[in-house]
Every structure is written in C-alpha cells, then in structure tokens.
C-alpha cells in the first residue's frame, strides 16, 4: 500500500519532530547505561545510530521536498 504525497509529508513531520528526539534520547540513555566506552567506540556508535534511524523511513522521506506529483500542473507554482 502506497502513501499519498500529503500523507508522506505529514508522517515525515511527525517522525522528525517527535520520533527523532525520542530516538536521540533513547540512544544516549542506552549508551550512558553501558558505561563510558573509549571515545572512538562512542563516536562510531553515535555515527551508526545516526545513519540507521533513517533506513526504515526512507520511503516516507523520498520526494517529500519536491512539488506534489499528483497536483494539477496548472495549479503548480514553479
């Protein structure tokens, strides 16, 4: 089932404004609970977590910054 352009825009806002901060707080909390690892390990864990959060939502974010493909070409303001 494919989401409409408007639905993808709304979901992307929800993910960025609510989901991403929750993910960041959870990641930091888990890493702090493990103790203080060496700086280079901590750096690579944060980089990996920073990249991995986006993969499940790739289909939602794809094309969101573009004009609505379903809109009437006459109504577009390019």
PDB file of N, CA and C in Angstrom:
ATOM      1  N   UNK A   1       0.838  -1.169   0.000  1.00  0.00           N
ATOM      2  CA  UNK A   1       0.000   0.000   0.000  1.00  0.00           C
ATOM      3  C   UNK A   1       0.888   1.238   0.000  1.00  0.00           C
ATOM      4  N   UNK A   2       0.631   2.132  -0.908  1.00  0.00           N
ATOM      5  CA  UNK A   2       1.437   3.330  -1.060  1.00  0.00           C
ATOM      6  C   UNK A   2       0.765   4.512  -0.375  1.00  0.00           C
ATOM      7  N   UNK A   3       1.574   5.316   0.294  1.00  0.00           N
ATOM      8  CA  UNK A   3       1.048   6.521   0.938  1.00  0.00           C
ATOM      9  C   UNK A   3       0.970   7.655  -0.065  1.00  0.00           C
ATOM     10  N   UNK A   4      -0.015   8.504   0.103  1.00  0.00           N
ATOM     11  CA  UNK A   4      -0.127   9.664  -0.775  1.00  0.00           C
ATOM     12  C   UNK A   4       0.971  10.665  -0.418  1.00  0.00           C
ATOM     13  N   UNK A   5       1.152  11.628  -1.290  1.00  0.00           N
ATOM     14  CA  UNK A   5       2.173  12.661  -1.080  1.00  0.00           C
ATOM     15  C   UNK A   5       1.899  13.432   0.208  1.00  0.00           C
ATOM     16  N   UNK A   6       0.644  13.822   0.428  1.00  0.00           N
ATOM     17  CA  UNK A   6       0.295  14.576   1.643  1.00  0.00           C
ATOM     18  C   UNK A   6       0.516  13.739   2.895  1.00  0.00           C
ATOM     19  N   UNK A   7       0.190  12.463   2.832  1.00  0.00           N
ATOM     20  CA  UNK A   7       0.387  11.582   3.987  1.00  0.00           C
ATOM     21  C   UNK A   7       1.878  11.424   4.290  1.00  0.00           C
ATOM     22  N   UNK A   8       2.691  11.287   3.240  1.00  0.00           N
ATOM     23  CA  UNK A   8       4.134  11.173   3.460  1.00  0.00           C
ATOM     24  C   UNK A   8       4.696  12.448   4.068  1.00  0.00           C
ATOM     25  N   UNK A   9       4.200  13.612   3.640  1.00  0.00           N
ATOM     26  CA  UNK A   9       4.660  14.884   4.219  1.00  0.00           C
ATOM     27  C   UNK A   9       4.294  14.964   5.698  1.00  0.00           C
ATOM     28  N   UNK A  10       3.078  14.573   6.025  1.00  0.00           N
ATOM     29  CA  UNK A  10       2.645  14.617   7.430  1.00  0.00           C
ATOM     30  C   UNK A  10       3.454  13.641   8.285  1.00  0.00           C
ATOM     31  N   UNK A  11       3.623  12.422   7.789  1.00  0.00           N
ATOM     32  CA  UNK A  11       4.389  11.435   8.546  1.00  0.00           C
ATOM     33  C   UNK A  11       5.850  11.861   8.705  1.00  0.00           C
ATOM     34  N   UNK A  12       6.414  12.493   7.691  1.00  0.00           N
ATOM     35  CA  UNK A  12       7.799  12.944   7.817  1.00  0.00           C
ATOM     36  C   UNK A  12       7.924  14.001   8.898  1.00  0.00           C
ATOM     37  N   UNK A  13       6.945  14.895   9.022  1.00  0.00           N
ATOM     38  CA  UNK A  13       6.967  15.883  10.098  1.00  0.00           C
ATOM     39  C   UNK A  13       6.850  15.220  11.468  1.00  0.00           C
ATOM     40  N   UNK A  14       5.961  14.248  11.583  1.00  0.00           N
ATOM     41  CA  UNK A  14       5.802  13.535  12.856  1.00  0.00           C
ATOM     42  C   UNK A  14       7.104  12.832  13.234  1.00  0.00           C
ATOM     43  N   UNK A  15       7.712  12.192  12.273  1.00  0.00           N
ATOM     44  CA  UNK A  15       8.960  11.468  12.534  1.00  0.00           C
ATOM     45  C   UNK A  15      10.062  12.433  12.956  1.00  0.00           C
ATOM     46  N   UNK A  16      10.199  13.549  12.250  1.00  0.00           N
ATOM     47  CA  UNK A  16      11.270  14.491  12.562  1.00  0.00           C
ATOM     48  C   UNK A  16      11.033  15.261  13.852  1.00  0.00           C
ATOM     49  N   UNK A  17       9.804  15.616  14.143  1.00  0.00           N
ATOM     50  CA  UNK A  17       9.528  16.445  15.319  1.00  0.00           C
ATOM     51  C   UNK A  17       9.303  15.649  16.601  1.00  0.00           C
ATOM     52  N   UNK A  18       8.839  14.428  16.489  1.00  0.00           N
ATOM     53  CA  UNK A  18       8.564  13.620  17.680  1.00  0.00           C
ATOM     54  C   UNK A  18       9.473  12.400  17.740  1.00  0.00           C
ATOM     55  N   UNK A  19       9.522  11.650  16.667  1.00  0.00           N
ATOM     56  CA  UNK A  19      10.262  10.386  16.669  1.00  0.00           C
ATOM     57  C   UNK A  19      11.762  10.542  16.802  1.00  0.00           C
ATOM     58  N   UNK A  20      12.341  11.489  16.080  1.00  0.00           N
ATOM     59  CA  UNK A  20      13.794  11.654  16.118  1.00  0.00           C
ATOM     60  C   UNK A  20      14.296  12.104  17.495  1.00  0.00           C
ATOM     61  N   UNK A  21      13.673  13.091  18.151  1.00  0.00           N
ATOM     62  CA  UNK A  21      14.132  13.422  19.504  1.00  0.00           C
ATOM     63  C   UNK A  21      14.004  12.264  20.497  1.00  0.00           C
ATOM     64  N   UNK A  22      12.928  11.492  20.378  1.00  0.00           N
ATOM     65  CA  UNK A  22      12.772  10.318  21.247  1.00  0.00           C
ATOM     66  C   UNK A  22      13.885   9.317  20.969  1.00  0.00           C
ATOM     67  N   UNK A  23      14.227   9.112  19.715  1.00  0.00           N
ATOM     68  CA  UNK A  23      15.296   8.194  19.332  1.00  0.00           C
ATOM     69  C   UNK A  23      16.646   8.668  19.870  1.00  0.00           C
ATOM     70  N   UNK A  24      16.900   9.961  19.787  1.00  0.00           N
ATOM     71  CA  UNK A  24      18.170  10.507  20.280  1.00  0.00           C
ATOM     72  C   UNK A  24      18.276  10.318  21.784  1.00  0.00           C
ATOM     73  N   UNK A  25      17.235  10.653  22.520  1.00  0.00           N
ATOM     74  CA  UNK A  25      17.257  10.498  23.981  1.00  0.00           C
ATOM     75  C   UNK A  25      17.424   9.032  24.358  1.00  0.00           C
ATOM     76  N   UNK A  26      16.742   8.152  23.664  1.00  0.00           N
ATOM     77  CA  UNK A  26      16.866   6.717  23.940  1.00  0.00           C
ATOM     78  C   UNK A  26      18.283   6.219  23.654  1.00  0.00           C
ATOM     79  N   UNK A  27      18.854   6.650  22.551  1.00  0.00           N
ATOM     80  CA  UNK A  27      20.212   6.228  22.193  1.00  0.00           C
ATOM     81  C   UNK A  27      21.230   6.696  23.222  1.00  0.00           C
ATOM     82  N   UNK A  28      21.127   7.949  23.638  1.00  0.00           N
ATOM     83  CA  UNK A  28      22.061   8.491  24.628  1.00  0.00           C
ATOM     84  C   UNK A  28      21.882   7.787  25.965  1.00  0.00           C
ATOM     85  N   UNK A  29      20.647   7.526  26.357  1.00  0.00           N
ATOM     86  CA  UNK A  29      20.379   6.844  27.619  1.00  0.00           C
ATOM     87  C   UNK A  29      20.972   5.438  27.626  1.00  0.00           C
ATOM     88  N   UNK A  30      20.784   4.718  26.536  1.00  0.00           N
ATOM     89  CA  UNK A  30      21.327   3.357  26.454  1.00  0.00           C
ATOM     90  C   UNK A  30      22.849   3.375  26.477  1.00  0.00           C
ATOM     91  N   UNK A  31      23.455   4.288  25.743  1.00  0.00           N
ATOM     92  CA  UNK A  31      24.914   4.353  25.717  1.00  0.00           C
ATOM     93  C   UNK A  31      25.477   4.770  27.075  1.00  0.00           C
ATOM     94  N   UNK A  32      24.794   5.669  27.764  1.00  0.00           N
ATOM     95  CA  UNK A  32      25.239   6.058  29.101  1.00  0.00           C
ATOM     96  C   UNK A  32      25.076   4.915  30.104  1.00  0.00           C
ATOM     97  N   UNK A  33      24.063   4.088  29.934  1.00  0.00           N
ATOM     98  CA  UNK A  33      23.851   2.958  30.838  1.00  0.00           C
ATOM     99  C   UNK A  33      24.946   1.908  30.692  1.00  0.00           C
ATOM    100  N   UNK A  34      25.579   1.858  29.517  1.00  0.00           N
ATOM    101  CA  UNK A  34      26.642   0.883  29.295  1.00  0.00           C
ATOM    102  C   UNK A  34      27.970   1.311  29.912  1.00  0.00           C
ATOM    103  N   UNK A  35      28.017   2.496  30.436  1.00  0.00           N
ATOM    104  CA  UNK A  35      29.282   2.989  30.988  1.00  0.00           C
ATOM    105  C   UNK A  35      29.961   3.887  29.971  1.00  0.00           C
ATOM    106  N   UNK A  36      31.156   4.312  30.291  1.00  0.00           N
ATOM    107  CA  UNK A  36      31.886   5.226  29.407  1.00  0.00           C
ATOM    108  C   UNK A  36      32.875   4.434  28.553  1.00  0.00           C
ATOM    109  N   UNK A  37      32.476   4.097  27.291  1.00  0.00           N
ATOM    110  CA  UNK A  37      33.405   3.376  26.416  1.00  0.00           C
ATOM    111  C   UNK A  37      34.483   4.338  25.913  1.00  0.00           C
ATOM    112  N   UNK A  38      35.536   3.815  25.303  1.00  0.00           N
ATOM    113  CA  UNK A  38      36.533   4.706  24.706  1.00  0.00           C
ATOM    114  C   UNK A  38      35.880   5.654  23.700  1.00  0.00           C
ATOM    115  N   UNK A  39      36.477   6.818  23.532  1.00  0.00           N
ATOM    116  CA  UNK A  39      35.891   7.875  22.715  1.00  0.00           C
ATOM    117  C   UNK A  39      35.654   7.434  21.272  1.00  0.00           C
ATOM    118  N   UNK A  40      36.577   6.691  20.694  1.00  0.00           N
ATOM    119  CA  UNK A  40      36.414   6.286  19.307  1.00  0.00           C
ATOM    120  C   UNK A  40      35.264   5.303  19.138  1.00  0.00           C
ATOM    121  N   UNK A  41      35.047   4.427  20.105  1.00  0.00           N
ATOM    122  CA  UNK A  41      33.918   3.495  20.041  1.00  0.00           C
ATOM    123  C   UNK A  41      32.608   4.267  20.181  1.00  0.00           C
ATOM    124  N   UNK A  42      32.583   5.201  21.122  1.00  0.00           N
ATOM    125  CA  UNK A  42      31.397   6.017  21.324  1.00  0.00           C
ATOM    126  C   UNK A  42      31.067   6.808  20.052  1.00  0.00           C
ATOM    127  N   UNK A  43      32.090   7.355  19.413  1.00  0.00           N
ATOM    128  CA  UNK A  43      31.900   8.103  18.179  1.00  0.00           C
ATOM    129  C   UNK A  43      31.281   7.238  17.090  1.00  0.00           C
ATOM    130  N   UNK A  44      31.817   6.045  16.888  1.00  0.00           N
ATOM    131  CA  UNK A  44      31.290   5.163  15.845  1.00  0.00           C
ATOM    132  C   UNK A  44      29.887   4.658  16.163  1.00  0.00           C
ATOM    133  N   UNK A  45      29.580   4.457  17.437  1.00  0.00           N
ATOM    134  CA  UNK A  45      28.220   4.052  17.808  1.00  0.00           C
ATOM    135  C   UNK A  45      27.234   5.164  17.476  1.00  0.00           C
ATOM    136  N   UNK A  46      27.585   6.411  17.823  1.00  0.00           N
ATOM    137  CA  UNK A  46      26.693   7.527  17.511  1.00  0.00           C
ATOM    138  C   UNK A  46      26.552   7.747  16.002  1.00  0.00           C
ATOM    139  N   UNK A  47      27.612   7.583  15.255  1.00  0.00           N
ATOM    140  CA  UNK A  47      27.531   7.720  13.798  1.00  0.00           C
ATOM    141  C   UNK A  47      26.637   6.625  13.220  1.00  0.00           C
ATOM    142  N   UNK A  48      26.819   5.401  13.675  1.00  0.00           N
ATOM    143  CA  UNK A  48      25.998   4.297  13.183  1.00  0.00           C
ATOM    144  C   UNK A  48      24.525   4.504  13.530  1.00  0.00           C
ATOM    145  N   UNK A  49      24.250   4.912  14.768  1.00  0.00           N
ATOM    146  CA  UNK A  49      22.865   5.160  15.155  1.00  0.00           C
ATOM    147  C   UNK A  49      22.279   6.347  14.398  1.00  0.00           C
ATOM    148  N   UNK A  50      23.103   7.322  14.086  1.00  0.00           N
ATOM    149  CA  UNK A  50      22.651   8.480  13.326  1.00  0.00           C
ATOM    150  C   UNK A  50      22.283   8.134  11.897  1.00  0.00           C
ATOM    151  N   UNK A  51      22.896   7.124  11.353  1.00  0.00           N
ATOM    152  CA  UNK A  51      22.580   6.692   9.987  1.00  0.00           C
ATOM    153  C   UNK A  51      21.433   5.679   9.994  1.00  0.00           C
ATOM    154  N   UNK A  52      21.427   4.782  10.941  1.00  0.00           N
ATOM    155  CA  UNK A  52      20.451   3.688  10.953  1.00  0.00           C
ATOM    156  C   UNK A  52      19.013   4.126  11.185  1.00  0.00           C
ATOM    157  N   UNK A  53      18.788   5.267  11.837  1.00  0.00           N
ATOM    158  CA  UNK A  53      17.413   5.675  12.119  1.00  0.00           C
ATOM    159  C   UNK A  53      16.641   5.975  10.839  1.00  0.00           C
ATOM    160  N   UNK A  54      17.335   6.384   9.791  1.00  0.00           N
ATOM    161  CA  UNK A  54      16.652   6.824   8.582  1.00  0.00           C
ATOM    162  C   UNK A  54      16.263   5.680   7.650  1.00  0.00           C
ATOM    163  N   UNK A  55      16.929   4.555   7.712  1.00  0.00           N
ATOM    164  CA  UNK A  55      16.652   3.470   6.770  1.00  0.00           C
ATOM    165  C   UNK A  55      15.209   2.958   6.799  1.00  0.00           C
ATOM    166  N   UNK A  56      14.586   2.759   7.956  1.00  0.00           N
ATOM    167  CA  UNK A  56      13.194   2.288   7.929  1.00  0.00           C
ATOM    168  C   UNK A  56      12.219   3.309   7.346  1.00  0.00           C
ATOM    169  N   UNK A  57      12.598   4.588   7.352  1.00  0.00           N
ATOM    170  CA  UNK A  57      11.701   5.646   6.905  1.00  0.00           C
ATOM    171  C   UNK A  57      12.080   6.210   5.542  1.00  0.00           C
ATOM    172  N   UNK A  58      12.950   5.537   4.836  1.00  0.00           N
ATOM    173  CA  UNK A  58      13.428   6.036   3.548  1.00  0.00           C
ATOM    174  C   UNK A  58      12.275   6.272   2.569  1.00  0.00           C
ATOM    175  N   UNK A  59      11.319   5.366   2.519  1.00  0.00           N
ATOM    176  CA  UNK A  59      10.209   5.503   1.578  1.00  0.00           C
ATOM    177  C   UNK A  59       9.306   6.688   1.931  1.00  0.00           C
ATOM    178  N   UNK A  60       9.281   7.084   3.188  1.00  0.00           N
ATOM    179  CA  UNK A  60       8.459   8.234   3.587  1.00  0.00           C
ATOM    180  C   UNK A  60       9.124   9.539   3.171  1.00  0.00           C
ATOM    181  N   UNK A  61      10.432   9.637   3.360  1.00  0.00           N
ATOM    182  CA  UNK A  61      11.136  10.880   3.080  1.00  0.00           C
ATOM    183  C   UNK A  61      11.446  11.083   1.599  1.00  0.00           C
ATOM    184  N   UNK A  62      11.400  10.035   0.819  1.00  0.00           N
ATOM    185  CA  UNK A  62      11.771  10.147  -0.597  1.00  0.00           C
ATOM    186  C   UNK A  62      10.775  11.026  -1.350  1.00  0.00           C
ATOM    187  N   UNK A  63      11.281  12.127  -1.915  1.00  0.00           N
ATOM    188  CA  UNK A  63      10.474  13.017  -2.735  1.00  0.00           C
ATOM    189  C   UNK A  63       9.616  14.010  -1.989  1.00  0.00           C
ATOM    190  N   UNK A  64       9.735  14.094  -0.676  1.00  0.00           N
ATOM    191  CA  UNK A  64       8.894  14.995   0.097  1.00  0.00           C
ATOM    192  C   UNK A  64       9.218  16.458  -0.204  1.00  0.00           C
ATOM    193  N   UNK A  65      10.444  16.770  -0.525  1.00  0.00           N
ATOM    194  CA  UNK A  65      10.831  18.141  -0.814  1.00  0.00           C
ATOM    195  C   UNK A  65      10.476  18.603  -2.211  1.00  0.00           C
ATOM    196  N   UNK A  66       9.965  17.707  -3.027  1.00  0.00           N
ATOM    197  CA  UNK A  66       9.601  18.035  -4.407  1.00  0.00           C
ATOM    198  C   UNK A  66       8.146  18.497  -4.464  1.00  0.00           C
ATOM    199  N   UNK A  67       7.756  19.153  -5.551  1.00  0.00           N
ATOM    200  CA  UNK A  67       6.337  19.514  -5.705  1.00  0.00           C
ATOM    201  C   UNK A  67       5.460  18.261  -5.760  1.00  0.00           C
ATOM    202  N   UNK A  68       4.204  18.436  -5.392  1.00  0.00           N
ATOM    203  CA  UNK A  68       3.252  17.325  -5.385  1.00  0.00           C
ATOM    204  C   UNK A  68       3.095  16.759  -6.795  1.00  0.00           C
ATOM    205  N   UNK A  69       3.456  15.498  -7.010  1.00  0.00           N
ATOM    206  CA  UNK A  69       3.358  14.918  -8.351  1.00  0.00           C
ATOM    207  C   UNK A  69       1.916  14.702  -8.803  1.00  0.00           C
ATOM    208  N   UNK A  70       0.973  14.641  -7.861  1.00  0.00           N
ATOM    209  CA  UNK A  70      -0.422  14.409  -8.203  1.00  0.00           C
ATOM    210  C   UNK A  70      -1.195  15.709  -8.428  1.00  0.00           C
ATOM    211  N   UNK A  71      -0.565  16.839  -8.155  1.00  0.00           N
ATOM    212  CA  UNK A  71      -1.260  18.118  -8.293  1.00  0.00           C
ATOM    213  C   UNK A  71      -1.447  18.482  -9.765  1.00  0.00           C
ATOM    214  N   UNK A  72      -2.421  19.301 -10.006  1.00  0.00           N
ATOM    215  CA  UNK A  72      -2.701  19.787 -11.356  1.00  0.00           C
ATOM    216  C   UNK A  72      -1.517  20.643 -11.826  1.00  0.00           C
ATOM    217  N   UNK A  73      -0.949  20.359 -12.995  1.00  0.00           N
ATOM    218  CA  UNK A  73       0.197  21.146 -13.465  1.00  0.00           C
ATOM    219  C   UNK A  73      -0.124  22.628 -13.606  1.00  0.00           C
ATOM    220  N   UNK A  74      -1.383  22.978 -13.868  1.00  0.00           N
ATOM    221  CA  UNK A  74      -1.769  24.374 -13.982  1.00  0.00           C
ATOM    222  C   UNK A  74      -1.726  25.075 -12.635  1.00  0.00           C
ATOM    223  N   UNK A  75      -1.972  24.323 -11.556  1.00  0.00           N
ATOM    224  CA  UNK A  75      -2.038  24.922 -10.223  1.00  0.00           C
ATOM    225  C   UNK A  75      -0.661  25.054  -9.582  1.00  0.00           C
ATOM    226  N   UNK A  76       0.348  24.371 -10.118  1.00  0.00           N
ATOM    227  CA  UNK A  76       1.691  24.436  -9.543  1.00  0.00           C
ATOM    228  C   UNK A  76       2.278  25.824  -9.680  1.00  0.00           C
ATOM    229  N   UNK A  77       3.003  26.215  -8.664  1.00  0.00           N
ATOM    230  CA  UNK A  77       3.709  27.497  -8.696  1.00  0.00           C
ATOM    231  C   UNK A  77       5.191  27.206  -8.717  1.00  0.00           C
ATOM    232  N   UNK A  78       5.760  27.066  -9.893  1.00  0.00           N
ATOM    233  CA  UNK A  78       7.193  26.740 -10.033  1.00  0.00           C
ATOM    234  C   UNK A  78       8.038  27.970 -10.010  1.00  0.00           C
TER     235      UNK A  78
END
